[in-house]
Each structure stands twice: as C-alpha cells, then as structure tokens.
Amino acid sequence: MRAGQERGAETFEINVDGEDVDARRFYEAHGFTNTEPGAAEPMFYYYRDLV
C-alpha cells in the first residue's frame, strides 16, 4: 500500500472469495471495507482509501 501511495494511488482494492473467512477477517481488521456507504449489500472485493 505504501508503494501505491508513493506512486499516487488513491485506493487499494483486493478480491477475496466469500468463503475465505480468515482472509475477510484479516482485511477488515486492517481497515478494509466491502460495503459502500449507504449500500445494504456487501461487494465482492475489499477496498481501502489511501488518501
């Protein structure tokens, strides 16, 4: 993520299988989200704003 920030990236995205509970838990613990503000359903990827 740091390298992305240094190169001007604004968002970090990663795909995670819905069944991979450990990976989902890991990314959520590190500030990633899979729900857009105001949306009721989760997305099929996680993202974290870098700015």
N, C-alpha and C. Protein backbone atom coordinates (compact mmCIF):
# COMPACT_ATOMS: atom_id res chain seq x y z
N MET A 1 0.83 -1.18 0.00
CA MET A 1 0.00 0.00 0.00
C MET A 1 0.87 1.24 0.00
N ARG A 2 1.97 1.19 0.73
CA ARG A 2 2.86 2.36 0.77
C ARG A 2 3.40 2.68 -0.62
N ALA A 3 3.81 1.66 -1.35
CA ALA A 3 4.34 1.89 -2.71
C ALA A 3 3.26 2.51 -3.60
N GLY A 4 2.04 2.06 -3.45
CA GLY A 4 0.94 2.64 -4.21
C GLY A 4 0.72 4.10 -3.88
N GLN A 5 0.75 4.42 -2.61
CA GLN A 5 0.61 5.81 -2.17
C GLN A 5 1.72 6.67 -2.76
N GLU A 6 2.94 6.16 -2.71
CA GLU A 6 4.08 6.92 -3.23
C GLU A 6 3.97 7.17 -4.72
N ARG A 7 3.23 6.31 -5.41
CA ARG A 7 3.06 6.46 -6.85
C ARG A 7 1.75 7.17 -7.20
N GLY A 8 1.02 7.65 -6.20
CA GLY A 8 -0.18 8.44 -6.44
C GLY A 8 -1.49 7.69 -6.43
N ALA A 9 -1.49 6.41 -6.03
CA ALA A 9 -2.74 5.66 -5.97
C ALA A 9 -3.64 6.24 -4.87
N GLU A 10 -4.93 6.22 -5.11
CA GLU A 10 -5.88 6.74 -4.14
C GLU A 10 -6.65 5.64 -3.42
N THR A 11 -6.72 4.46 -4.02
CA THR A 11 -7.48 3.35 -3.44
C THR A 11 -6.72 2.05 -3.66
N PHE A 12 -6.78 1.16 -2.68
CA PHE A 12 -6.20 -0.18 -2.79
C PHE A 12 -7.36 -1.16 -2.79
N GLU A 13 -7.45 -2.01 -3.80
CA GLU A 13 -8.54 -2.98 -3.91
C GLU A 13 -7.98 -4.39 -3.97
N ILE A 14 -8.71 -5.33 -3.39
CA ILE A 14 -8.30 -6.73 -3.42
C ILE A 14 -9.54 -7.61 -3.47
N ASN A 15 -9.49 -8.65 -4.30
CA ASN A 15 -10.58 -9.62 -4.39
C ASN A 15 -10.39 -10.70 -3.32
N VAL A 16 -11.48 -11.10 -2.71
CA VAL A 16 -11.45 -12.14 -1.68
C VAL A 16 -12.65 -13.05 -1.90
N ASP A 17 -12.41 -14.36 -1.91
CA ASP A 17 -13.52 -15.30 -2.04
C ASP A 17 -14.44 -15.19 -0.83
N GLY A 18 -15.74 -15.24 -1.06
CA GLY A 18 -16.71 -15.12 0.02
C GLY A 18 -16.54 -16.18 1.09
N GLU A 19 -16.06 -17.36 0.70
CA GLU A 19 -15.90 -18.46 1.66
C GLU A 19 -14.63 -18.34 2.49
N ASP A 20 -13.71 -17.46 2.09
CA ASP A 20 -12.43 -17.34 2.79
C ASP A 20 -12.57 -16.40 3.99
N VAL A 21 -13.16 -16.92 5.04
CA VAL A 21 -13.48 -16.14 6.22
C VAL A 21 -12.23 -15.55 6.87
N ASP A 22 -11.14 -16.30 6.90
CA ASP A 22 -9.90 -15.80 7.52
C ASP A 22 -9.35 -14.59 6.76
N ALA A 23 -9.34 -14.64 5.44
CA ALA A 23 -8.86 -13.50 4.65
C ALA A 23 -9.77 -12.30 4.85
N ARG A 24 -11.07 -12.52 4.84
CA ARG A 24 -12.01 -11.42 5.05
C ARG A 24 -11.78 -10.77 6.41
N ARG A 25 -11.61 -11.58 7.43
CA ARG A 25 -11.36 -11.08 8.78
C ARG A 25 -10.05 -10.29 8.83
N PHE A 26 -9.01 -10.78 8.16
CA PHE A 26 -7.72 -10.10 8.11
C PHE A 26 -7.85 -8.71 7.50
N TYR A 27 -8.49 -8.61 6.34
CA TYR A 27 -8.60 -7.31 5.68
C TYR A 27 -9.49 -6.35 6.46
N GLU A 28 -10.56 -6.85 7.04
CA GLU A 28 -11.42 -5.99 7.85
C GLU A 28 -10.65 -5.45 9.06
N ALA A 29 -9.80 -6.27 9.66
CA ALA A 29 -9.00 -5.84 10.82
C ALA A 29 -7.97 -4.79 10.44
N HIS A 30 -7.63 -4.71 9.14
CA HIS A 30 -6.63 -3.75 8.66
C HIS A 30 -7.26 -2.57 7.93
N GLY A 31 -8.51 -2.30 8.22
CA GLY A 31 -9.14 -1.08 7.73
C GLY A 31 -9.82 -1.17 6.38
N PHE A 32 -9.90 -2.37 5.79
CA PHE A 32 -10.57 -2.52 4.51
C PHE A 32 -12.07 -2.68 4.74
N THR A 33 -12.85 -2.32 3.74
CA THR A 33 -14.30 -2.50 3.82
C THR A 33 -14.81 -3.11 2.53
N ASN A 34 -15.93 -3.77 2.59
CA ASN A 34 -16.54 -4.32 1.38
C ASN A 34 -17.99 -3.83 1.24
N THR A 35 -18.30 -2.73 1.85
CA THR A 35 -19.63 -2.15 1.76
C THR A 35 -19.50 -0.66 1.45
N GLU A 36 -20.15 -0.23 0.38
CA GLU A 36 -20.16 1.20 0.04
C GLU A 36 -21.06 1.94 1.03
N PRO A 37 -20.75 3.18 1.34
CA PRO A 37 -21.62 3.97 2.22
C PRO A 37 -23.05 4.02 1.67
N GLY A 38 -24.01 3.69 2.50
CA GLY A 38 -25.42 3.71 2.12
C GLY A 38 -25.91 2.45 1.43
N ALA A 39 -25.03 1.50 1.14
CA ALA A 39 -25.43 0.26 0.47
C ALA A 39 -25.75 -0.82 1.51
N ALA A 40 -26.73 -1.64 1.19
CA ALA A 40 -27.13 -2.70 2.11
C ALA A 40 -26.37 -4.00 1.86
N GLU A 41 -25.93 -4.22 0.63
CA GLU A 41 -25.27 -5.48 0.27
C GLU A 41 -23.76 -5.30 0.17
N PRO A 42 -22.99 -6.29 0.64
CA PRO A 42 -21.53 -6.21 0.51
C PRO A 42 -21.10 -6.41 -0.95
N MET A 43 -19.92 -5.95 -1.29
CA MET A 43 -19.37 -6.14 -2.63
C MET A 43 -18.51 -7.39 -2.64
N PHE A 44 -18.02 -7.77 -3.82
CA PHE A 44 -17.18 -8.95 -3.96
C PHE A 44 -15.69 -8.63 -3.86
N TYR A 45 -15.36 -7.43 -3.43
CA TYR A 45 -13.97 -7.07 -3.19
C TYR A 45 -13.90 -6.11 -2.03
N TYR A 46 -12.72 -6.01 -1.47
CA TYR A 46 -12.47 -5.08 -0.36
C TYR A 46 -11.68 -3.91 -0.90
N TYR A 47 -11.85 -2.75 -0.27
CA TYR A 47 -11.06 -1.59 -0.67
C TYR A 47 -10.72 -0.76 0.54
N ARG A 48 -9.68 0.05 0.36
CA ARG A 48 -9.26 0.97 1.42
C ARG A 48 -8.72 2.22 0.73
N ASP A 49 -9.26 3.36 1.11
CA ASP A 49 -8.77 4.62 0.57
C ASP A 49 -7.39 4.91 1.12
N LEU A 50 -6.50 5.37 0.28
CA LEU A 50 -5.13 5.65 0.67
C LEU A 50 -4.88 7.13 0.92
N VAL A 51 -5.82 7.96 0.59
CA VAL A 51 -5.65 9.41 0.80
C VAL A 51 -6.36 9.87 2.04
